Amino acid sequence: MPYDRTVRLDADFDTVVTAARKALADQGFGILTEIDVKATLKAKLGHDMEDYLILGACNPPLAHQALEADRSIGLLLPCNVVVRRDGDTTLVQALDPGTMVTLTGLDTLKPVADEATTRLDAALSALAAT
């Protein structure tokens, strides 16, 4: 079962990171955390890998609605957005918000997942149009 929503871009990593931040902000997502996986693995393990950044994106109203429906949903909130190099392209990937409904079986999360999907798809579409 696919669990991601992905767009592949013919642009350099730094350009895509900047564009992803803007596209997410335009859809009401703030960046709460940032994990530079490449730098972390290099520092901790001496391992070299492609550019790989995890942005902890959050839309507070949607997160609040989801948490009101299920306090454990924080485990599944579609907060992580990955920007990573893949060969000559850069991918931007987000968790498919519908996964929250599928895994929990809670229909009360469906409106939240639908709204999050609409917003994430709009952000990804904006990136694809650049």
N, C-alpha and C. Protein backbone atom coordinates (compact mmCIF):
# COMPACT_ATOMS: atom_id res chain seq x y z
N MET A 1 0.84 -1.17 0.00
CA MET A 1 0.00 0.00 0.00
C MET A 1 0.89 1.24 0.00
N PRO A 2 0.76 2.09 -1.01
CA PRO A 2 1.55 3.32 -1.03
C PRO A 2 1.15 4.22 0.15
N TYR A 3 2.12 4.84 0.76
CA TYR A 3 1.86 5.71 1.90
C TYR A 3 2.43 7.10 1.72
N ASP A 4 2.89 7.39 0.50
CA ASP A 4 3.51 8.69 0.26
C ASP A 4 2.82 9.44 -0.87
N ARG A 5 3.06 10.72 -0.88
CA ARG A 5 2.66 11.60 -1.97
C ARG A 5 3.97 12.26 -2.40
N THR A 6 4.35 12.08 -3.65
CA THR A 6 5.69 12.45 -4.08
C THR A 6 5.67 13.27 -5.36
N VAL A 7 6.56 14.22 -5.44
CA VAL A 7 6.80 14.96 -6.68
C VAL A 7 8.32 14.90 -6.94
N ARG A 8 8.67 14.68 -8.20
CA ARG A 8 10.07 14.61 -8.63
C ARG A 8 10.37 15.87 -9.45
N LEU A 9 11.45 16.56 -9.08
CA LEU A 9 11.77 17.84 -9.72
C LEU A 9 13.16 17.81 -10.34
N ASP A 10 13.28 18.45 -11.49
CA ASP A 10 14.58 18.61 -12.15
C ASP A 10 15.19 19.92 -11.69
N ALA A 11 15.53 19.97 -10.41
CA ALA A 11 16.13 21.17 -9.83
C ALA A 11 17.11 20.74 -8.75
N ASP A 12 18.04 21.63 -8.42
CA ASP A 12 19.03 21.29 -7.40
C ASP A 12 18.38 21.27 -6.01
N PHE A 13 19.03 20.58 -5.11
CA PHE A 13 18.52 20.33 -3.77
C PHE A 13 18.17 21.61 -3.02
N ASP A 14 19.09 22.56 -2.96
CA ASP A 14 18.85 23.79 -2.19
C ASP A 14 17.68 24.59 -2.74
N THR A 15 17.56 24.64 -4.04
CA THR A 15 16.44 25.34 -4.67
C THR A 15 15.12 24.69 -4.28
N VAL A 16 15.09 23.36 -4.29
CA VAL A 16 13.87 22.63 -3.96
C VAL A 16 13.52 22.81 -2.48
N VAL A 17 14.52 22.79 -1.61
CA VAL A 17 14.25 23.00 -0.17
C VAL A 17 13.59 24.36 0.03
N THR A 18 14.14 25.39 -0.58
CA THR A 18 13.56 26.74 -0.45
C THR A 18 12.14 26.77 -1.00
N ALA A 19 11.93 26.18 -2.16
CA ALA A 19 10.60 26.17 -2.78
C ALA A 19 9.62 25.35 -1.94
N ALA A 20 10.08 24.25 -1.36
CA ALA A 20 9.20 23.41 -0.53
C ALA A 20 8.76 24.16 0.72
N ARG A 21 9.67 24.86 1.35
CA ARG A 21 9.31 25.67 2.52
C ARG A 21 8.21 26.68 2.17
N LYS A 22 8.36 27.35 1.03
CA LYS A 22 7.38 28.35 0.62
C LYS A 22 6.04 27.69 0.28
N ALA A 23 6.08 26.61 -0.47
CA ALA A 23 4.84 25.94 -0.87
C ALA A 23 4.08 25.42 0.35
N LEU A 24 4.80 24.89 1.33
CA LEU A 24 4.16 24.43 2.56
C LEU A 24 3.58 25.61 3.35
N ALA A 25 4.35 26.68 3.46
CA ALA A 25 3.87 27.87 4.18
C ALA A 25 2.62 28.44 3.52
N ASP A 26 2.59 28.43 2.19
CA ASP A 26 1.43 28.94 1.47
C ASP A 26 0.17 28.13 1.76
N GLN A 27 0.35 26.89 2.22
CA GLN A 27 -0.79 26.02 2.55
C GLN A 27 -1.01 25.92 4.06
N GLY A 28 -0.37 26.82 4.83
CA GLY A 28 -0.61 26.88 6.27
C GLY A 28 0.24 25.96 7.11
N PHE A 29 1.30 25.41 6.53
CA PHE A 29 2.20 24.54 7.29
C PHE A 29 3.43 25.32 7.72
N GLY A 30 3.74 25.25 9.01
CA GLY A 30 4.97 25.83 9.52
C GLY A 30 5.99 24.71 9.68
N ILE A 31 7.25 25.06 9.65
CA ILE A 31 8.31 24.06 9.85
C ILE A 31 8.75 24.13 11.31
N LEU A 32 8.45 23.08 12.06
CA LEU A 32 8.77 23.04 13.49
C LEU A 32 10.14 22.44 13.76
N THR A 33 10.54 21.49 12.92
CA THR A 33 11.82 20.81 13.10
C THR A 33 12.47 20.61 11.74
N GLU A 34 13.77 20.38 11.80
CA GLU A 34 14.52 20.09 10.59
C GLU A 34 15.62 19.10 10.95
N ILE A 35 15.69 18.00 10.21
CA ILE A 35 16.73 17.00 10.44
C ILE A 35 17.52 16.83 9.15
N ASP A 36 18.78 17.19 9.22
CA ASP A 36 19.68 17.00 8.08
C ASP A 36 20.27 15.59 8.23
N VAL A 37 19.62 14.63 7.59
CA VAL A 37 20.02 13.22 7.74
C VAL A 37 21.43 13.01 7.21
N LYS A 38 21.75 13.63 6.09
CA LYS A 38 23.09 13.49 5.50
C LYS A 38 24.17 13.92 6.50
N ALA A 39 24.01 15.10 7.09
CA ALA A 39 25.00 15.62 8.04
C ALA A 39 25.05 14.78 9.30
N THR A 40 23.89 14.32 9.77
CA THR A 40 23.84 13.52 11.00
C THR A 40 24.56 12.19 10.81
N LEU A 41 24.27 11.50 9.72
CA LEU A 41 24.92 10.20 9.49
C LEU A 41 26.42 10.36 9.25
N LYS A 42 26.82 11.46 8.64
CA LYS A 42 28.24 11.73 8.44
C LYS A 42 28.92 11.96 9.79
N ALA A 43 28.31 12.78 10.64
CA ALA A 43 28.91 13.12 11.94
C ALA A 43 28.92 11.92 12.89
N LYS A 44 27.85 11.15 12.91
CA LYS A 44 27.73 10.06 13.89
C LYS A 44 28.34 8.74 13.42
N LEU A 45 28.29 8.49 12.10
CA LEU A 45 28.74 7.19 11.59
C LEU A 45 29.85 7.28 10.55
N GLY A 46 30.18 8.50 10.11
CA GLY A 46 31.15 8.66 9.05
C GLY A 46 30.61 8.20 7.71
N HIS A 47 29.29 8.10 7.59
CA HIS A 47 28.63 7.58 6.38
C HIS A 47 28.29 8.73 5.43
N ASP A 48 28.67 8.56 4.16
CA ASP A 48 28.33 9.54 3.14
C ASP A 48 27.09 9.09 2.40
N MET A 49 26.15 10.00 2.21
CA MET A 49 24.95 9.71 1.44
C MET A 49 24.50 10.95 0.71
N GLU A 50 23.47 10.80 -0.12
CA GLU A 50 22.92 11.93 -0.87
C GLU A 50 22.25 12.92 0.07
N ASP A 51 21.99 14.13 -0.43
CA ASP A 51 21.27 15.13 0.35
C ASP A 51 19.92 14.56 0.77
N TYR A 52 19.59 14.70 2.05
CA TYR A 52 18.35 14.13 2.60
C TYR A 52 17.96 14.96 3.82
N LEU A 53 16.86 15.67 3.68
CA LEU A 53 16.41 16.57 4.74
C LEU A 53 14.97 16.22 5.12
N ILE A 54 14.71 16.13 6.41
CA ILE A 54 13.35 15.90 6.90
C ILE A 54 12.86 17.20 7.53
N LEU A 55 11.78 17.74 6.96
CA LEU A 55 11.16 18.94 7.50
C LEU A 55 9.94 18.52 8.32
N GLY A 56 9.89 18.92 9.57
CA GLY A 56 8.73 18.65 10.42
C GLY A 56 7.70 19.73 10.21
N ALA A 57 6.81 19.51 9.24
CA ALA A 57 5.81 20.51 8.87
C ALA A 57 4.53 20.27 9.66
N CYS A 58 3.91 21.35 10.13
CA CYS A 58 2.70 21.23 10.92
C CYS A 58 1.70 22.32 10.54
N ASN A 59 0.45 21.91 10.40
CA ASN A 59 -0.66 22.84 10.22
C ASN A 59 -1.43 22.79 11.54
N PRO A 60 -1.23 23.77 12.43
CA PRO A 60 -1.80 23.70 13.78
C PRO A 60 -3.30 23.40 13.84
N PRO A 61 -4.16 24.05 13.04
CA PRO A 61 -5.59 23.74 13.14
C PRO A 61 -5.89 22.27 12.81
N LEU A 62 -5.21 21.74 11.79
CA LEU A 62 -5.45 20.34 11.43
C LEU A 62 -4.90 19.40 12.48
N ALA A 63 -3.72 19.71 13.02
CA ALA A 63 -3.15 18.88 14.08
C ALA A 63 -4.08 18.88 15.29
N HIS A 64 -4.63 20.03 15.63
CA HIS A 64 -5.53 20.13 16.77
C HIS A 64 -6.77 19.27 16.56
N GLN A 65 -7.37 19.35 15.38
CA GLN A 65 -8.55 18.53 15.08
C GLN A 65 -8.24 17.04 15.19
N ALA A 66 -7.11 16.64 14.66
CA ALA A 66 -6.73 15.22 14.72
C ALA A 66 -6.49 14.78 16.16
N LEU A 67 -5.82 15.60 16.94
CA LEU A 67 -5.55 15.24 18.34
C LEU A 67 -6.82 15.20 19.18
N GLU A 68 -7.81 16.03 18.83
CA GLU A 68 -9.09 15.96 19.53
C GLU A 68 -9.81 14.65 19.24
N ALA A 69 -9.61 14.12 18.05
CA ALA A 69 -10.25 12.86 17.67
C ALA A 69 -9.54 11.65 18.28
N ASP A 70 -8.21 11.76 18.43
CA ASP A 70 -7.42 10.63 18.94
C ASP A 70 -6.09 11.16 19.46
N ARG A 71 -5.89 11.12 20.75
CA ARG A 71 -4.67 11.66 21.36
C ARG A 71 -3.41 10.93 20.89
N SER A 72 -3.53 9.69 20.48
CA SER A 72 -2.35 8.94 20.02
C SER A 72 -2.00 9.23 18.57
N ILE A 73 -2.80 10.04 17.90
CA ILE A 73 -2.61 10.28 16.47
C ILE A 73 -1.30 11.01 16.17
N GLY A 74 -0.70 11.61 17.18
CA GLY A 74 0.60 12.25 16.97
C GLY A 74 1.62 11.30 16.35
N LEU A 75 1.44 10.01 16.58
CA LEU A 75 2.33 9.02 15.99
C LEU A 75 2.19 8.96 14.48
N LEU A 76 1.04 9.37 13.97
CA LEU A 76 0.76 9.24 12.54
C LEU A 76 0.52 10.55 11.81
N LEU A 77 0.58 11.66 12.50
CA LEU A 77 0.33 12.93 11.83
C LEU A 77 1.24 13.08 10.61
N PRO A 78 0.70 13.58 9.51
CA PRO A 78 1.52 13.72 8.29
C PRO A 78 2.44 14.93 8.40
N CYS A 79 3.33 14.90 9.38
CA CYS A 79 4.20 16.05 9.65
C CYS A 79 5.52 16.02 8.89
N ASN A 80 6.04 14.85 8.62
CA ASN A 80 7.34 14.80 7.97
C ASN A 80 7.23 14.98 6.47
N VAL A 81 8.00 15.94 5.97
CA VAL A 81 8.14 16.14 4.54
C VAL A 81 9.62 15.93 4.24
N VAL A 82 9.91 15.02 3.34
CA VAL A 82 11.28 14.68 3.00
C VAL A 82 11.65 15.34 1.68
N VAL A 83 12.81 15.98 1.69
CA VAL A 83 13.41 16.50 0.45
C VAL A 83 14.71 15.74 0.30
N ARG A 84 14.86 15.03 -0.85
CA ARG A 84 16.05 14.22 -1.02
C ARG A 84 16.46 14.12 -2.48
N ARG A 85 17.76 13.96 -2.66
CA ARG A 85 18.28 13.76 -4.01
C ARG A 85 18.07 12.31 -4.40
N ASP A 86 17.75 12.11 -5.68
CA ASP A 86 17.59 10.78 -6.24
C ASP A 86 18.16 10.84 -7.65
N GLY A 87 19.43 10.49 -7.76
CA GLY A 87 20.11 10.62 -9.05
C GLY A 87 20.23 12.08 -9.43
N ASP A 88 19.72 12.42 -10.61
CA ASP A 88 19.82 13.79 -11.11
C ASP A 88 18.61 14.64 -10.76
N THR A 89 17.71 14.11 -9.95
CA THR A 89 16.50 14.84 -9.59
C THR A 89 16.40 14.98 -8.07
N THR A 90 15.46 15.80 -7.65
CA THR A 90 15.19 15.98 -6.23
C THR A 90 13.73 15.60 -5.98
N LEU A 91 13.51 14.78 -4.98
CA LEU A 91 12.16 14.36 -4.61
C LEU A 91 11.68 15.15 -3.41
N VAL A 92 10.39 15.45 -3.38
CA VAL A 92 9.72 15.98 -2.20
C VAL A 92 8.61 14.98 -1.90
N GLN A 93 8.64 14.44 -0.69
CA GLN A 93 7.70 13.39 -0.30
C GLN A 93 7.01 13.75 1.01
N ALA A 94 5.72 13.44 1.07
CA ALA A 94 4.95 13.64 2.30
C ALA A 94 4.13 12.37 2.56
N LEU A 95 3.88 12.11 3.82
CA LEU A 95 3.03 10.99 4.18
C LEU A 95 1.62 11.25 3.67
N ASP A 96 1.01 10.26 3.06
CA ASP A 96 -0.38 10.39 2.61
C ASP A 96 -1.25 10.47 3.86
N PRO A 97 -1.94 11.60 4.08
CA PRO A 97 -2.76 11.75 5.28
C PRO A 97 -3.84 10.68 5.44
N GLY A 98 -4.29 10.09 4.34
CA GLY A 98 -5.28 9.02 4.42
C GLY A 98 -4.78 7.83 5.22
N THR A 99 -3.47 7.73 5.37
CA THR A 99 -2.88 6.64 6.16
C THR A 99 -3.39 6.68 7.60
N MET A 100 -3.62 7.90 8.13
CA MET A 100 -4.15 8.02 9.50
C MET A 100 -5.48 7.30 9.63
N VAL A 101 -6.35 7.48 8.67
CA VAL A 101 -7.68 6.88 8.72
C VAL A 101 -7.58 5.37 8.52
N THR A 102 -6.77 4.96 7.55
CA THR A 102 -6.61 3.54 7.26
C THR A 102 -6.07 2.77 8.46
N LEU A 103 -5.03 3.30 9.09
CA LEU A 103 -4.40 2.58 10.19
C LEU A 103 -5.21 2.61 11.49
N THR A 104 -5.93 3.70 11.72
CA THR A 104 -6.69 3.79 12.98
C THR A 104 -8.11 3.27 12.84
N GLY A 105 -8.65 3.33 11.64
CA GLY A 105 -10.04 2.94 11.44
C GLY A 105 -11.03 3.96 12.00
N LEU A 106 -10.55 5.16 12.33
CA LEU A 106 -11.40 6.20 12.92
C LEU A 106 -11.95 7.11 11.83
N ASP A 107 -13.24 6.99 11.56
CA ASP A 107 -13.87 7.84 10.55
C ASP A 107 -13.85 9.31 10.93
N THR A 108 -13.72 9.61 12.23
CA THR A 108 -13.68 11.01 12.67
C THR A 108 -12.43 11.73 12.14
N LEU A 109 -11.42 10.97 11.74
CA LEU A 109 -10.20 11.57 11.20
C LEU A 109 -10.30 11.85 9.71
N LYS A 110 -11.31 11.33 9.04
CA LYS A 110 -11.41 11.48 7.60
C LYS A 110 -11.46 12.94 7.15
N PRO A 111 -12.28 13.82 7.77
CA PRO A 111 -12.27 15.22 7.32
C PRO A 111 -10.90 15.89 7.48
N VAL A 112 -10.20 15.56 8.55
CA VAL A 112 -8.86 16.12 8.76
C VAL A 112 -7.91 15.61 7.69
N ALA A 113 -7.96 14.31 7.43
CA ALA A 113 -7.09 13.72 6.41
C ALA A 113 -7.40 14.30 5.03
N ASP A 114 -8.68 14.49 4.74
CA ASP A 114 -9.06 15.05 3.44
C ASP A 114 -8.52 16.48 3.27
N GLU A 115 -8.65 17.29 4.32
CA GLU A 115 -8.15 18.67 4.25
C GLU A 115 -6.62 18.69 4.15
N ALA A 116 -5.96 17.85 4.93
CA ALA A 116 -4.49 17.78 4.87
C ALA A 116 -4.04 17.31 3.48
N THR A 117 -4.76 16.36 2.91
CA THR A 117 -4.43 15.88 1.56
C THR A 117 -4.56 17.01 0.55
N THR A 118 -5.64 17.75 0.64
CA THR A 118 -5.86 18.87 -0.28
C THR A 118 -4.72 19.88 -0.18
N ARG A 119 -4.32 20.20 1.04
CA ARG A 119 -3.27 21.20 1.25
C ARG A 119 -1.89 20.67 0.81
N LEU A 120 -1.59 19.42 1.17
CA LEU A 120 -0.30 18.86 0.75
C LEU A 120 -0.22 18.71 -0.76
N ASP A 121 -1.32 18.26 -1.37
CA ASP A 121 -1.34 18.13 -2.83
C ASP A 121 -1.15 19.50 -3.51
N ALA A 122 -1.76 20.54 -2.92
CA ALA A 122 -1.59 21.88 -3.48
C ALA A 122 -0.13 22.32 -3.38
N ALA A 123 0.50 22.03 -2.26
CA ALA A 123 1.92 22.38 -2.09
C ALA A 123 2.78 21.62 -3.09
N LEU A 124 2.53 20.32 -3.23
CA LEU A 124 3.31 19.52 -4.17
C LEU A 124 3.06 19.95 -5.62
N SER A 125 1.83 20.30 -5.93
CA SER A 125 1.51 20.77 -7.29
C SER A 125 2.21 22.10 -7.58
N ALA A 126 2.25 22.97 -6.58
CA ALA A 126 2.95 24.24 -6.76
C ALA A 126 4.43 24.00 -7.04
N LEU A 127 5.02 23.02 -6.38
CA LEU A 127 6.41 22.70 -6.63
C LEU A 127 6.61 22.17 -8.04
N ALA A 128 5.71 21.30 -8.46
CA ALA A 128 5.83 20.70 -9.79
C ALA A 128 5.68 21.75 -10.89
N ALA A 129 4.96 22.84 -10.59
CA ALA A 129 4.74 23.89 -11.58
C ALA A 129 5.91 24.85 -11.69
N THR A 130 6.87 24.76 -10.76
CA THR A 130 8.00 25.71 -10.79
C THR A 130 9.08 25.25 -11.74
